[in-house]
């Protein structure tokens, strides 16, 4: 599956859902978003339904409402986005080189640590 980034509101909704460790209703997501910005309940409902239809969320009917959960973690989604970049048809060595040039020292240390664990066969 080709992975693409989210639209602006989709990204906001996914951030809310990723920050939770349990299924969430449209009402609970709307209430959280409405505390920070003006947004209609139906807009949140449509966005979550779109994310479900696109395969980003699962949902189960509980009583009269659906409860939604992300299909993958934020980290899994980010990793799939990175993989998509390498499969984009550009020169993957150049892409990686440009990426590495933009890394902070902290990011570089984390990358070295993960690569070392992978070489040693340790689980992540």
PDB file of N, CA and C in Angstrom:
ATOM      1  N   UNK A   1       0.848  -1.170   0.000  1.00  0.00           N
ATOM      2  CA  UNK A   1       0.000   0.000   0.000  1.00  0.00           C
ATOM      3  C   UNK A   1       0.896   1.236   0.000  1.00  0.00           C
ATOM      4  N   UNK A   2       0.626   2.160  -0.914  1.00  0.00           N
ATOM      5  CA  UNK A   2       1.359   3.424  -0.936  1.00  0.00           C
ATOM      6  C   UNK A   2       0.872   4.275   0.227  1.00  0.00           C
ATOM      7  N   UNK A   3       1.790   4.789   0.985  1.00  0.00           N
ATOM      8  CA  UNK A   3       1.458   5.595   2.156  1.00  0.00           C
ATOM      9  C   UNK A   3       1.609   7.060   1.787  1.00  0.00           C
ATOM     10  N   UNK A   4       0.622   7.835   2.127  1.00  0.00           N
ATOM     11  CA  UNK A   4       0.682   9.281   1.910  1.00  0.00           C
ATOM     12  C   UNK A   4       0.468   9.968   3.242  1.00  0.00           C
ATOM     13  N   UNK A   5       0.874  11.218   3.284  1.00  0.00           N
ATOM     14  CA  UNK A   5       0.618  12.016   4.472  1.00  0.00           C
ATOM     15  C   UNK A   5      -0.866  12.304   4.589  1.00  0.00           C
ATOM     16  N   UNK A   6      -1.255  12.802   5.715  1.00  0.00           N
ATOM     17  CA  UNK A   6      -2.648  13.141   5.972  1.00  0.00           C
ATOM     18  C   UNK A   6      -2.915  14.582   5.582  1.00  0.00           C
ATOM     19  N   UNK A   7      -4.194  14.888   5.335  1.00  0.00           N
ATOM     20  CA  UNK A   7      -4.606  16.274   5.218  1.00  0.00           C
ATOM     21  C   UNK A   7      -4.475  16.931   6.586  1.00  0.00           C
ATOM     22  N   UNK A   8      -4.611  18.253   6.636  1.00  0.00           N
ATOM     23  CA  UNK A   8      -4.414  18.986   7.888  1.00  0.00           C
ATOM     24  C   UNK A   8      -5.301  18.483   9.017  1.00  0.00           C
ATOM     25  N   UNK A   9      -6.604  18.397   8.779  1.00  0.00           N
ATOM     26  CA  UNK A   9      -7.513  17.962   9.834  1.00  0.00           C
ATOM     27  C   UNK A   9      -7.340  16.475  10.127  1.00  0.00           C
ATOM     28  N   UNK A  10      -7.067  15.681   9.109  1.00  0.00           N
ATOM     29  CA  UNK A  10      -6.804  14.259   9.344  1.00  0.00           C
ATOM     30  C   UNK A  10      -5.611  14.088  10.281  1.00  0.00           C
ATOM     31  N   UNK A  11      -4.574  14.881  10.075  1.00  0.00           N
ATOM     32  CA  UNK A  11      -3.387  14.790  10.927  1.00  0.00           C
ATOM     33  C   UNK A  11      -3.713  15.175  12.366  1.00  0.00           C
ATOM     34  N   UNK A  12      -4.543  16.190  12.550  1.00  0.00           N
ATOM     35  CA  UNK A  12      -4.928  16.611  13.896  1.00  0.00           C
ATOM     36  C   UNK A  12      -5.718  15.505  14.586  1.00  0.00           C
ATOM     37  N   UNK A  13      -6.667  14.914  13.870  1.00  0.00           N
ATOM     38  CA  UNK A  13      -7.476  13.829  14.432  1.00  0.00           C
ATOM     39  C   UNK A  13      -6.593  12.628  14.768  1.00  0.00           C
ATOM     40  N   UNK A  14      -5.689  12.278  13.861  1.00  0.00           N
ATOM     41  CA  UNK A  14      -4.801  11.139  14.136  1.00  0.00           C
ATOM     42  C   UNK A  14      -3.916  11.421  15.344  1.00  0.00           C
ATOM     43  N   UNK A  15      -3.439  12.650  15.504  1.00  0.00           N
ATOM     44  CA  UNK A  15      -2.638  12.994  16.687  1.00  0.00           C
ATOM     45  C   UNK A  15      -3.432  12.758  17.967  1.00  0.00           C
ATOM     46  N   UNK A  16      -4.701  13.154  17.962  1.00  0.00           N
ATOM     47  CA  UNK A  16      -5.551  12.935  19.142  1.00  0.00           C
ATOM     48  C   UNK A  16      -5.681  11.435  19.404  1.00  0.00           C
ATOM     49  N   UNK A  17      -5.965  10.673  18.365  1.00  0.00           N
ATOM     50  CA  UNK A  17      -6.161   9.232  18.545  1.00  0.00           C
ATOM     51  C   UNK A  17      -4.871   8.533  18.949  1.00  0.00           C
ATOM     52  N   UNK A  18      -3.746   8.932  18.375  1.00  0.00           N
ATOM     53  CA  UNK A  18      -2.466   8.328  18.744  1.00  0.00           C
ATOM     54  C   UNK A  18      -2.089   8.657  20.174  1.00  0.00           C
ATOM     55  N   UNK A  19      -2.552   9.755  20.703  1.00  0.00           N
ATOM     56  CA  UNK A  19      -2.200  10.135  22.078  1.00  0.00           C
ATOM     57  C   UNK A  19      -2.992   9.346  23.116  1.00  0.00           C
ATOM     58  N   UNK A  20      -3.986   8.615  22.658  1.00  0.00           N
ATOM     59  CA  UNK A  20      -4.837   7.844  23.569  1.00  0.00           C
ATOM     60  C   UNK A  20      -4.482   6.362  23.491  1.00  0.00           C
ATOM     61  N   UNK A  21      -4.740   5.654  24.563  1.00  0.00           N
ATOM     62  CA  UNK A  21      -4.433   4.221  24.581  1.00  0.00           C
ATOM     63  C   UNK A  21      -5.704   3.383  24.545  1.00  0.00           C
ATOM     64  N   UNK A  22      -6.800   4.013  24.124  1.00  0.00           N
ATOM     65  CA  UNK A  22      -8.072   3.289  24.089  1.00  0.00           C
ATOM     66  C   UNK A  22      -8.917   3.789  22.929  1.00  0.00           C
ATOM     67  N   UNK A  23      -9.904   2.994  22.529  1.00  0.00           N
ATOM     68  CA  UNK A  23     -10.794   3.432  21.451  1.00  0.00           C
ATOM     69  C   UNK A  23     -11.488   4.743  21.823  1.00  0.00           C
ATOM     70  N   UNK A  24     -11.780   5.550  20.797  1.00  0.00           N
ATOM     71  CA  UNK A  24     -12.370   6.868  21.022  1.00  0.00           C
ATOM     72  C   UNK A  24     -13.591   7.081  20.127  1.00  0.00           C
ATOM     73  N   UNK A  25     -14.566   7.764  20.674  1.00  0.00           N
ATOM     74  CA  UNK A  25     -15.746   8.117  19.905  1.00  0.00           C
ATOM     75  C   UNK A  25     -15.520   9.463  19.213  1.00  0.00           C
ATOM     76  N   UNK A  26     -16.357   9.735  18.223  1.00  0.00           N
ATOM     77  CA  UNK A  26     -16.313  11.036  17.562  1.00  0.00           C
ATOM     78  C   UNK A  26     -16.538  12.129  18.597  1.00  0.00           C
ATOM     79  N   UNK A  27     -17.485  11.913  19.506  1.00  0.00           N
ATOM     80  CA  UNK A  27     -17.806  12.915  20.526  1.00  0.00           C
ATOM     81  C   UNK A  27     -16.573  13.264  21.360  1.00  0.00           C
ATOM     82  N   UNK A  28     -15.823  12.256  21.797  1.00  0.00           N
ATOM     83  CA  UNK A  28     -14.666  12.544  22.647  1.00  0.00           C
ATOM     84  C   UNK A  28     -13.566  13.270  21.874  1.00  0.00           C
ATOM     85  N   UNK A  29     -13.375  12.912  20.606  1.00  0.00           N
ATOM     86  CA  UNK A  29     -12.377  13.606  19.789  1.00  0.00           C
ATOM     87  C   UNK A  29     -12.843  15.040  19.527  1.00  0.00           C
ATOM     88  N   UNK A  30     -14.123  15.194  19.201  1.00  0.00           N
ATOM     89  CA  UNK A  30     -14.660  16.536  18.980  1.00  0.00           C
ATOM     90  C   UNK A  30     -14.493  17.400  20.218  1.00  0.00           C
ATOM     91  N   UNK A  31     -14.843  16.868  21.372  1.00  0.00           N
ATOM     92  CA  UNK A  31     -14.736  17.640  22.612  1.00  0.00           C
ATOM     93  C   UNK A  31     -13.303  18.113  22.846  1.00  0.00           C
ATOM     94  N   UNK A  32     -12.328  17.250  22.595  1.00  0.00           N
ATOM     95  CA  UNK A  32     -10.928  17.645  22.777  1.00  0.00           C
ATOM     96  C   UNK A  32     -10.530  18.724  21.773  1.00  0.00           C
ATOM     97  N   UNK A  33     -10.911  18.540  20.519  1.00  0.00           N
ATOM     98  CA  UNK A  33     -10.563  19.533  19.502  1.00  0.00           C
ATOM     99  C   UNK A  33     -11.286  20.857  19.732  1.00  0.00           C
ATOM    100  N   UNK A  34     -12.548  20.793  20.149  1.00  0.00           N
ATOM    101  CA  UNK A  34     -13.341  22.007  20.368  1.00  0.00           C
ATOM    102  C   UNK A  34     -12.801  22.841  21.524  1.00  0.00           C
ATOM    103  N   UNK A  35     -12.048  22.219  22.417  1.00  0.00           N
ATOM    104  CA  UNK A  35     -11.443  22.978  23.519  1.00  0.00           C
ATOM    105  C   UNK A  35     -10.272  23.837  23.026  1.00  0.00           C
ATOM    106  N   UNK A  36      -9.787  23.541  21.812  1.00  0.00           N
ATOM    107  CA  UNK A  36      -8.639  24.267  21.261  1.00  0.00           C
ATOM    108  C   UNK A  36      -8.981  25.119  20.045  1.00  0.00           C
ATOM    109  N   UNK A  37     -10.074  24.783  19.366  1.00  0.00           N
ATOM    110  CA  UNK A  37     -10.423  25.483  18.134  1.00  0.00           C
ATOM    111  C   UNK A  37     -11.893  25.340  17.855  1.00  0.00           C
ATOM    112  N   UNK A  38     -12.407  26.188  17.010  1.00  0.00           N
ATOM    113  CA  UNK A  38     -13.813  26.083  16.640  1.00  0.00           C
ATOM    114  C   UNK A  38     -13.932  25.043  15.538  1.00  0.00           C
ATOM    115  N   UNK A  39     -14.715  24.003  15.809  1.00  0.00           N
ATOM    116  CA  UNK A  39     -14.884  22.930  14.839  1.00  0.00           C
ATOM    117  C   UNK A  39     -16.233  22.258  15.062  1.00  0.00           C
ATOM    118  N   UNK A  40     -16.903  21.932  13.978  1.00  0.00           N
ATOM    119  CA  UNK A  40     -18.219  21.307  14.062  1.00  0.00           C
ATOM    120  C   UNK A  40     -18.076  19.810  14.324  1.00  0.00           C
ATOM    121  N   UNK A  41     -19.024  19.285  15.071  1.00  0.00           N
ATOM    122  CA  UNK A  41     -19.070  17.845  15.343  1.00  0.00           C
ATOM    123  C   UNK A  41     -19.108  17.064  14.030  1.00  0.00           C
ATOM    124  N   UNK A  42     -19.925  17.518  13.084  1.00  0.00           N
ATOM    125  CA  UNK A  42     -20.077  16.794  11.810  1.00  0.00           C
ATOM    126  C   UNK A  42     -18.772  16.786  11.004  1.00  0.00           C
ATOM    127  N   UNK A  43     -17.961  17.815  11.173  1.00  0.00           N
ATOM    128  CA  UNK A  43     -16.664  17.851  10.485  1.00  0.00           C
ATOM    129  C   UNK A  43     -15.748  16.766  11.038  1.00  0.00           C
ATOM    130  N   UNK A  44     -15.728  16.630  12.351  1.00  0.00           N
ATOM    131  CA  UNK A  44     -14.912  15.586  12.978  1.00  0.00           C
ATOM    132  C   UNK A  44     -15.448  14.210  12.581  1.00  0.00           C
ATOM    133  N   UNK A  45     -16.774  14.053  12.585  1.00  0.00           N
ATOM    134  CA  UNK A  45     -17.384  12.782  12.213  1.00  0.00           C
ATOM    135  C   UNK A  45     -17.022  12.409  10.775  1.00  0.00           C
ATOM    136  N   UNK A  46     -17.129  13.356   9.854  1.00  0.00           N
ATOM    137  CA  UNK A  46     -16.783  13.092   8.453  1.00  0.00           C
ATOM    138  C   UNK A  46     -15.310  12.733   8.298  1.00  0.00           C
ATOM    139  N   UNK A  47     -14.468  13.453   9.012  1.00  0.00           N
ATOM    140  CA  UNK A  47     -13.024  13.198   8.931  1.00  0.00           C
ATOM    141  C   UNK A  47     -12.694  11.797   9.442  1.00  0.00           C
ATOM    142  N   UNK A  48     -13.283  11.419  10.572  1.00  0.00           N
ATOM    143  CA  UNK A  48     -13.007  10.088  11.128  1.00  0.00           C
ATOM    144  C   UNK A  48     -13.581   8.999  10.231  1.00  0.00           C
ATOM    145  N   UNK A  49     -14.739   9.240   9.632  1.00  0.00           N
ATOM    146  CA  UNK A  49     -15.305   8.272   8.694  1.00  0.00           C
ATOM    147  C   UNK A  49     -14.408   8.141   7.458  1.00  0.00           C
ATOM    148  N   UNK A  50     -13.894   9.254   6.971  1.00  0.00           N
ATOM    149  CA  UNK A  50     -12.963   9.207   5.832  1.00  0.00           C
ATOM    150  C   UNK A  50     -11.703   8.425   6.182  1.00  0.00           C
ATOM    151  N   UNK A  51     -11.155   8.658   7.368  1.00  0.00           N
ATOM    152  CA  UNK A  51      -9.968   7.914   7.802  1.00  0.00           C
ATOM    153  C   UNK A  51     -10.270   6.425   7.916  1.00  0.00           C
ATOM    154  N   UNK A  52     -11.468   6.074   8.360  1.00  0.00           N
ATOM    155  CA  UNK A  52     -11.874   4.671   8.417  1.00  0.00           C
ATOM    156  C   UNK A  52     -11.937   4.086   6.995  1.00  0.00           C
ATOM    157  N   UNK A  53     -12.598   4.798   6.080  1.00  0.00           N
ATOM    158  CA  UNK A  53     -12.742   4.297   4.708  1.00  0.00           C
ATOM    159  C   UNK A  53     -11.401   4.197   3.988  1.00  0.00           C
ATOM    160  N   UNK A  54     -10.442   5.053   4.352  1.00  0.00           N
ATOM    161  CA  UNK A  54      -9.105   5.008   3.758  1.00  0.00           C
ATOM    162  C   UNK A  54      -8.235   3.916   4.379  1.00  0.00           C
ATOM    163  N   UNK A  55      -8.733   3.280   5.446  1.00  0.00           N
ATOM    164  CA  UNK A  55      -7.982   2.193   6.073  1.00  0.00           C
ATOM    165  C   UNK A  55      -7.038   2.626   7.181  1.00  0.00           C
ATOM    166  N   UNK A  56      -7.157   3.860   7.660  1.00  0.00           N
ATOM    167  CA  UNK A  56      -6.288   4.334   8.730  1.00  0.00           C
ATOM    168  C   UNK A  56      -6.838   4.022  10.115  1.00  0.00           C
ATOM    169  N   UNK A  57      -8.164   3.857  10.201  1.00  0.00           N
ATOM    170  CA  UNK A  57      -8.812   3.580  11.484  1.00  0.00           C
ATOM    171  C   UNK A  57      -9.651   2.324  11.386  1.00  0.00           C
ATOM    172  N   UNK A  58      -9.758   1.615  12.496  1.00  0.00           N
ATOM    173  CA  UNK A  58     -10.752   0.551  12.630  1.00  0.00           C
ATOM    174  C   UNK A  58     -11.867   1.122  13.491  1.00  0.00           C
ATOM    175  N   UNK A  59     -13.034   0.505  13.415  1.00  0.00           N
ATOM    176  CA  UNK A  59     -14.119   0.982  14.266  1.00  0.00           C
ATOM    177  C   UNK A  59     -15.023  -0.178  14.643  1.00  0.00           C
ATOM    178  N   UNK A  60     -15.588  -0.060  15.829  1.00  0.00           N
ATOM    179  CA  UNK A  60     -16.545  -1.032  16.348  1.00  0.00           C
ATOM    180  C   UNK A  60     -17.725  -0.253  16.894  1.00  0.00           C
ATOM    181  N   UNK A  61     -18.912  -0.761  16.632  1.00  0.00           N
ATOM    182  CA  UNK A  61     -20.110  -0.111  17.155  1.00  0.00           C
ATOM    183  C   UNK A  61     -20.314  -0.556  18.597  1.00  0.00           C
ATOM    184  N   UNK A  62     -20.405   0.410  19.483  1.00  0.00           N
ATOM    185  CA  UNK A  62     -20.643   0.154  20.900  1.00  0.00           C
ATOM    186  C   UNK A  62     -21.865   0.992  21.272  1.00  0.00           C
ATOM    187  N   UNK A  63     -22.977   0.326  21.522  1.00  0.00           N
ATOM    188  CA  UNK A  63     -24.218   1.055  21.753  1.00  0.00           C
ATOM    189  C   UNK A  63     -24.631   1.742  20.471  1.00  0.00           C
ATOM    190  N   UNK A  64     -24.837   3.040  20.537  1.00  0.00           N
ATOM    191  CA  UNK A  64     -25.251   3.802  19.366  1.00  0.00           C
ATOM    192  C   UNK A  64     -24.092   4.465  18.632  1.00  0.00           C
ATOM    193  N   UNK A  65     -22.901   4.418  19.215  1.00  0.00           N
ATOM    194  CA  UNK A  65     -21.759   5.137  18.643  1.00  0.00           C
ATOM    195  C   UNK A  65     -20.668   4.177  18.195  1.00  0.00           C
ATOM    196  N   UNK A  66     -19.878   4.645  17.253  1.00  0.00           N
ATOM    197  CA  UNK A  66     -18.675   3.910  16.850  1.00  0.00           C
ATOM    198  C   UNK A  66     -17.515   4.346  17.735  1.00  0.00           C
ATOM    199  N   UNK A  67     -16.647   3.392  18.015  1.00  0.00           N
ATOM    200  CA  UNK A  67     -15.383   3.684  18.677  1.00  0.00           C
ATOM    201  C   UNK A  67     -14.277   3.379  17.686  1.00  0.00           C
ATOM    202  N   UNK A  68     -13.354   4.309  17.557  1.00  0.00           N
ATOM    203  CA  UNK A  68     -12.300   4.239  16.547  1.00  0.00           C
ATOM    204  C   UNK A  68     -10.934   4.018  17.185  1.00  0.00           C
ATOM    205  N   UNK A  69     -10.095   3.276  16.465  1.00  0.00           N
ATOM    206  CA  UNK A  69      -8.697   3.041  16.853  1.00  0.00           C
ATOM    207  C   UNK A  69      -7.820   3.156  15.613  1.00  0.00           C
ATOM    208  N   UNK A  70      -6.635   3.741  15.740  1.00  0.00           N
ATOM    209  CA  UNK A  70      -5.709   3.744  14.601  1.00  0.00           C
ATOM    210  C   UNK A  70      -5.293   2.319  14.247  1.00  0.00           C
ATOM    211  N   UNK A  71      -5.133   2.058  12.961  1.00  0.00           N
ATOM    212  CA  UNK A  71      -4.701   0.745  12.476  1.00  0.00           C
ATOM    213  C   UNK A  71      -3.228   0.510  12.802  1.00  0.00           C
ATOM    214  N   UNK A  72      -2.439   1.583  12.759  1.00  0.00           N
ATOM    215  CA  UNK A  72      -1.010   1.464  13.061  1.00  0.00           C
ATOM    216  C   UNK A  72      -0.591   2.597  13.981  1.00  0.00           C
ATOM    217  N   UNK A  73       0.515   2.399  14.653  1.00  0.00           N
ATOM    218  CA  UNK A  73       1.032   3.433  15.560  1.00  0.00           C
ATOM    219  C   UNK A  73       1.600   4.599  14.748  1.00  0.00           C
ATOM    220  N   UNK A  74       1.803   5.708  15.424  1.00  0.00           N
ATOM    221  CA  UNK A  74       2.424   6.876  14.788  1.00  0.00           C
ATOM    222  C   UNK A  74       3.788   6.490  14.211  1.00  0.00           C
ATOM    223  N   UNK A  75       4.550   5.698  14.959  1.00  0.00           N
ATOM    224  CA  UNK A  75       5.885   5.305  14.523  1.00  0.00           C
ATOM    225  C   UNK A  75       5.832   4.392  13.300  1.00  0.00           C
ATOM    226  N   UNK A  76       4.881   3.457  13.281  1.00  0.00           N
ATOM    227  CA  UNK A  76       4.725   2.598  12.101  1.00  0.00           C
ATOM    228  C   UNK A  76       4.354   3.425  10.877  1.00  0.00           C
ATOM    229  N   UNK A  77       3.468   4.387  11.063  1.00  0.00           N
ATOM    230  CA  UNK A  77       3.081   5.261   9.958  1.00  0.00           C
ATOM    231  C   UNK A  77       4.287   6.054   9.453  1.00  0.00           C
ATOM    232  N   UNK A  78       5.070   6.607  10.354  1.00  0.00           N
ATOM    233  CA  UNK A  78       6.256   7.370   9.958  1.00  0.00           C
ATOM    234  C   UNK A  78       7.251   6.498   9.199  1.00  0.00           C
ATOM    235  N   UNK A  79       7.447   5.282   9.674  1.00  0.00           N
ATOM    236  CA  UNK A  79       8.370   4.363   8.994  1.00  0.00           C
ATOM    237  C   UNK A  79       7.874   4.034   7.587  1.00  0.00           C
ATOM    238  N   UNK A  80       6.575   3.848   7.433  1.00  0.00           N
ATOM    239  CA  UNK A  80       6.023   3.570   6.107  1.00  0.00           C
ATOM    240  C   UNK A  80       6.159   4.785   5.187  1.00  0.00           C
ATOM    241  N   UNK A  81       6.017   5.992   5.735  1.00  0.00           N
ATOM    242  CA  UNK A  81       6.252   7.197   4.933  1.00  0.00           C
ATOM    243  C   UNK A  81       7.699   7.241   4.445  1.00  0.00           C
ATOM    244  N   UNK A  82       8.623   6.893   5.335  1.00  0.00           N
ATOM    245  CA  UNK A  82      10.035   6.876   4.954  1.00  0.00           C
ATOM    246  C   UNK A  82      10.281   5.851   3.854  1.00  0.00           C
ATOM    247  N   UNK A  83       9.670   4.688   3.971  1.00  0.00           N
ATOM    248  CA  UNK A  83       9.824   3.646   2.954  1.00  0.00           C
ATOM    249  C   UNK A  83       9.288   4.128   1.605  1.00  0.00           C
ATOM    250  N   UNK A  84       8.162   4.837   1.637  1.00  0.00           N
ATOM    251  CA  UNK A  84       7.563   5.363   0.415  1.00  0.00           C
ATOM    252  C   UNK A  84       8.516   6.334  -0.280  1.00  0.00           C
ATOM    253  N   UNK A  85       9.238   7.131   0.504  1.00  0.00           N
ATOM    254  CA  UNK A  85      10.203   8.068  -0.071  1.00  0.00           C
ATOM    255  C   UNK A  85      11.277   7.306  -0.836  1.00  0.00           C
ATOM    256  N   UNK A  86      11.770   6.218  -0.277  1.00  0.00           N
ATOM    257  CA  UNK A  86      12.807   5.441  -0.947  1.00  0.00           C
ATOM    258  C   UNK A  86      12.292   4.760  -2.210  1.00  0.00           C
ATOM    259  N   UNK A  87      11.000   4.507  -2.268  1.00  0.00           N
ATOM    260  CA  UNK A  87      10.406   3.852  -3.437  1.00  0.00           C
ATOM    261  C   UNK A  87       9.844   4.857  -4.439  1.00  0.00           C
ATOM    262  N   UNK A  88      10.114   6.142  -4.224  1.00  0.00           N
ATOM    263  CA  UNK A  88       9.512   7.195  -5.047  1.00  0.00           C
ATOM    264  C   UNK A  88      10.115   7.318  -6.436  1.00  0.00           C
ATOM    265  N   UNK A  89      11.188   6.619  -6.695  1.00  0.00           N
ATOM    266  CA  UNK A  89      11.794   6.680  -8.013  1.00  0.00           C
ATOM    267  C   UNK A  89      13.022   7.566  -8.066  1.00  0.00           C
ATOM    268  N   UNK A  90      13.266   8.322  -7.018  1.00  0.00           N
ATOM    269  CA  UNK A  90      14.478   9.128  -6.971  1.00  0.00           C
ATOM    270  C   UNK A  90      15.672   8.256  -6.630  1.00  0.00           C
ATOM    271  N   UNK A  91      16.843   8.845  -6.667  1.00  0.00           N
ATOM    272  CA  UNK A  91      18.072   8.148  -6.312  1.00  0.00           C
ATOM    273  C   UNK A  91      18.086   7.966  -4.796  1.00  0.00           C
ATOM    274  N   UNK A  92      17.856   6.741  -4.330  1.00  0.00           N
ATOM    275  CA  UNK A  92      17.719   6.500  -2.890  1.00  0.00           C
ATOM    276  C   UNK A  92      18.997   6.834  -2.122  1.00  0.00           C
ATOM    277  N   UNK A  93      20.157   6.686  -2.749  1.00  0.00           N
ATOM    278  CA  UNK A  93      21.402   7.053  -2.069  1.00  0.00           C
ATOM    279  C   UNK A  93      21.465   8.565  -1.850  1.00  0.00           C
ATOM    280  N   UNK A  94      21.053   9.343  -2.853  1.00  0.00           N
ATOM    281  CA  UNK A  94      21.015  10.797  -2.695  1.00  0.00           C
ATOM    282  C   UNK A  94      19.960  11.224  -1.675  1.00  0.00           C
ATOM    283  N   UNK A  95      18.811  10.569  -1.719  1.00  0.00           N
ATOM    284  CA  UNK A  95      17.751  10.872  -0.747  1.00  0.00           C
ATOM    285  C   UNK A  95      18.274  10.648   0.663  1.00  0.00           C
ATOM    286  N   UNK A  96      18.900   9.510   0.882  1.00  0.00           N
ATOM    287  CA  UNK A  96      19.442   9.192   2.202  1.00  0.00           C
ATOM    288  C   UNK A  96      20.528  10.188   2.603  1.00  0.00           C
ATOM    289  N   UNK A  97      21.380  10.553   1.660  1.00  0.00           N
ATOM    290  CA  UNK A  97      22.443  11.515   1.949  1.00  0.00           C
ATOM    291  C   UNK A  97      21.862  12.864   2.368  1.00  0.00           C
ATOM    292  N   UNK A  98      20.854  13.367   1.646  1.00  0.00           N
ATOM    293  CA  UNK A  98      20.214  14.635   2.006  1.00  0.00           C
ATOM    294  C   UNK A  98      19.546  14.529   3.377  1.00  0.00           C
ATOM    295  N   UNK A  99      18.929  13.388   3.642  1.00  0.00           N
ATOM    296  CA  UNK A  99      18.292  13.167   4.939  1.00  0.00           C
ATOM    297  C   UNK A  99      19.322  13.216   6.063  1.00  0.00           C
ATOM    298  N   UNK A 100      20.428  12.519   5.881  1.00  0.00           N
ATOM    299  CA  UNK A 100      21.468  12.470   6.910  1.00  0.00           C
ATOM    300  C   UNK A 100      22.081  13.846   7.160  1.00  0.00           C
ATOM    301  N   UNK A 101      22.218  14.646   6.112  1.00  0.00           N
ATOM    302  CA  UNK A 101      22.779  15.990   6.272  1.00  0.00           C
ATOM    303  C   UNK A 101      21.890  16.876   7.144  1.00  0.00           C
ATOM    304  N   UNK A 102      20.614  16.573   7.218  1.00  0.00           N
ATOM    305  CA  UNK A 102      19.676  17.383   7.989  1.00  0.00           C
ATOM    306  C   UNK A 102      19.513  16.903   9.429  1.00  0.00           C
ATOM    307  N   UNK A 103      20.150  15.795   9.776  1.00  0.00           N
ATOM    308  CA  UNK A 103      19.993  15.230  11.113  1.00  0.00           C
ATOM    309  C   UNK A 103      20.747  16.043  12.152  1.00  0.00           C
ATOM    310  N   UNK A 104      20.157  16.103  13.339  1.00  0.00           N
ATOM    311  CA  UNK A 104      20.839  16.717  14.473  1.00  0.00           C
ATOM    312  C   UNK A 104      21.812  15.689  15.065  1.00  0.00           C
ATOM    313  N   UNK A 105      22.673  16.143  15.943  1.00  0.00           N
ATOM    314  CA  UNK A 105      23.600  15.224  16.606  1.00  0.00           C
ATOM    315  C   UNK A 105      22.835  14.173  17.406  1.00  0.00           C
ATOM    316  N   UNK A 106      21.747  14.593  18.053  1.00  0.00           N
ATOM    317  CA  UNK A 106      20.929  13.663  18.828  1.00  0.00           C
ATOM    318  C   UNK A 106      20.292  12.604  17.926  1.00  0.00           C
ATOM    319  N   UNK A 107      19.752  13.044  16.780  1.00  0.00           N
ATOM    320  CA  UNK A 107      19.165  12.098  15.824  1.00  0.00           C
ATOM    321  C   UNK A 107      20.218  11.125  15.317  1.00  0.00           C
ATOM    322  N   UNK A 108      21.399  11.639  15.045  1.00  0.00           N
ATOM    323  CA  UNK A 108      22.494  10.810  14.553  1.00  0.00           C
ATOM    324  C   UNK A 108      22.871   9.745  15.587  1.00  0.00           C
ATOM    325  N   UNK A 109      22.930  10.126  16.848  1.00  0.00           N
ATOM    326  CA  UNK A 109      23.250   9.175  17.916  1.00  0.00           C
ATOM    327  C   UNK A 109      22.171   8.085  18.013  1.00  0.00           C
ATOM    328  N   UNK A 110      20.921   8.490  17.891  1.00  0.00           N
ATOM    329  CA  UNK A 110      19.817   7.513  17.929  1.00  0.00           C
ATOM    330  C   UNK A 110      19.906   6.547  16.758  1.00  0.00           C
ATOM    331  N   UNK A 111      20.222   7.071  15.582  1.00  0.00           N
ATOM    332  CA  UNK A 111      20.350   6.216  14.400  1.00  0.00           C
ATOM    333  C   UNK A 111      21.484   5.217  14.575  1.00  0.00           C
ATOM    334  N   UNK A 112      22.637   5.687  15.065  1.00  0.00           N
ATOM    335  CA  UNK A 112      23.753   4.764  15.306  1.00  0.00           C
ATOM    336  C   UNK A 112      23.356   3.658  16.284  1.00  0.00           C
ATOM    337  N   UNK A 113      22.634   4.044  17.333  1.00  0.00           N
ATOM    338  CA  UNK A 113      22.208   3.068  18.342  1.00  0.00           C
ATOM    339  C   UNK A 113      21.276   2.016  17.713  1.00  0.00           C
ATOM    340  N   UNK A 114      20.303   2.456  16.934  1.00  0.00           N
ATOM    341  CA  UNK A 114      19.358   1.522  16.300  1.00  0.00           C
ATOM    342  C   UNK A 114      20.085   0.617  15.306  1.00  0.00           C
ATOM    343  N   UNK A 115      20.997   1.184  14.518  1.00  0.00           N
ATOM    344  CA  UNK A 115      21.745   0.374  13.552  1.00  0.00           C
ATOM    345  C   UNK A 115      22.618  -0.654  14.265  1.00  0.00           C
ATOM    346  N   UNK A 116      23.240  -0.266  15.362  1.00  0.00           N
ATOM    347  CA  UNK A 116      24.076  -1.205  16.116  1.00  0.00           C
ATOM    348  C   UNK A 116      23.233  -2.358  16.652  1.00  0.00           C
ATOM    349  N   UNK A 117      22.049  -2.025  17.187  1.00  0.00           N
ATOM    350  CA  UNK A 117      21.164  -3.083  17.683  1.00  0.00           C
ATOM    351  C   UNK A 117      20.724  -4.001  16.556  1.00  0.00           C
ATOM    352  N   UNK A 118      20.480  -3.459  15.380  1.00  0.00           N
ATOM    353  CA  UNK A 118      20.062  -4.277  14.242  1.00  0.00           C
ATOM    354  C   UNK A 118      21.186  -5.209  13.810  1.00  0.00           C
ATOM    355  N   UNK A 119      22.419  -4.706  13.807  1.00  0.00           N
ATOM    356  CA  UNK A 119      23.583  -5.513  13.435  1.00  0.00           C
ATOM    357  C   UNK A 119      23.767  -6.650  14.428  1.00  0.00           C
ATOM    358  N   UNK A 120      23.520  -6.359  15.702  1.00  0.00           N
ATOM    359  CA  UNK A 120      23.685  -7.371  16.745  1.00  0.00           C
ATOM    360  C   UNK A 120      22.480  -8.294  16.870  1.00  0.00           C
ATOM    361  N   UNK A 121      21.440  -8.014  16.098  1.00  0.00           N
ATOM    362  CA  UNK A 121      20.266  -8.869  16.103  1.00  0.00           C
ATOM    363  C   UNK A 121      19.340  -8.674  17.289  1.00  0.00           C
ATOM    364  N   UNK A 122      19.452  -7.540  17.971  1.00  0.00           N
ATOM    365  CA  UNK A 122      18.589  -7.252  19.117  1.00  0.00           C
ATOM    366  C   UNK A 122      17.236  -6.779  18.626  1.00  0.00           C
ATOM    367  N   UNK A 123      16.165  -7.157  19.349  1.00  0.00           N
ATOM    368  CA  UNK A 123      14.847  -6.632  18.973  1.00  0.00           C
ATOM    369  C   UNK A 123      14.749  -5.143  19.298  1.00  0.00           C
ATOM    370  N   UNK A 124      13.910  -4.456  18.532  1.00  0.00           N
ATOM    371  CA  UNK A 124      13.739  -3.011  18.775  1.00  0.00           C
ATOM    372  C   UNK A 124      12.694  -2.754  19.814  1.00  0.00           C
TER     373      UNK A 124
END
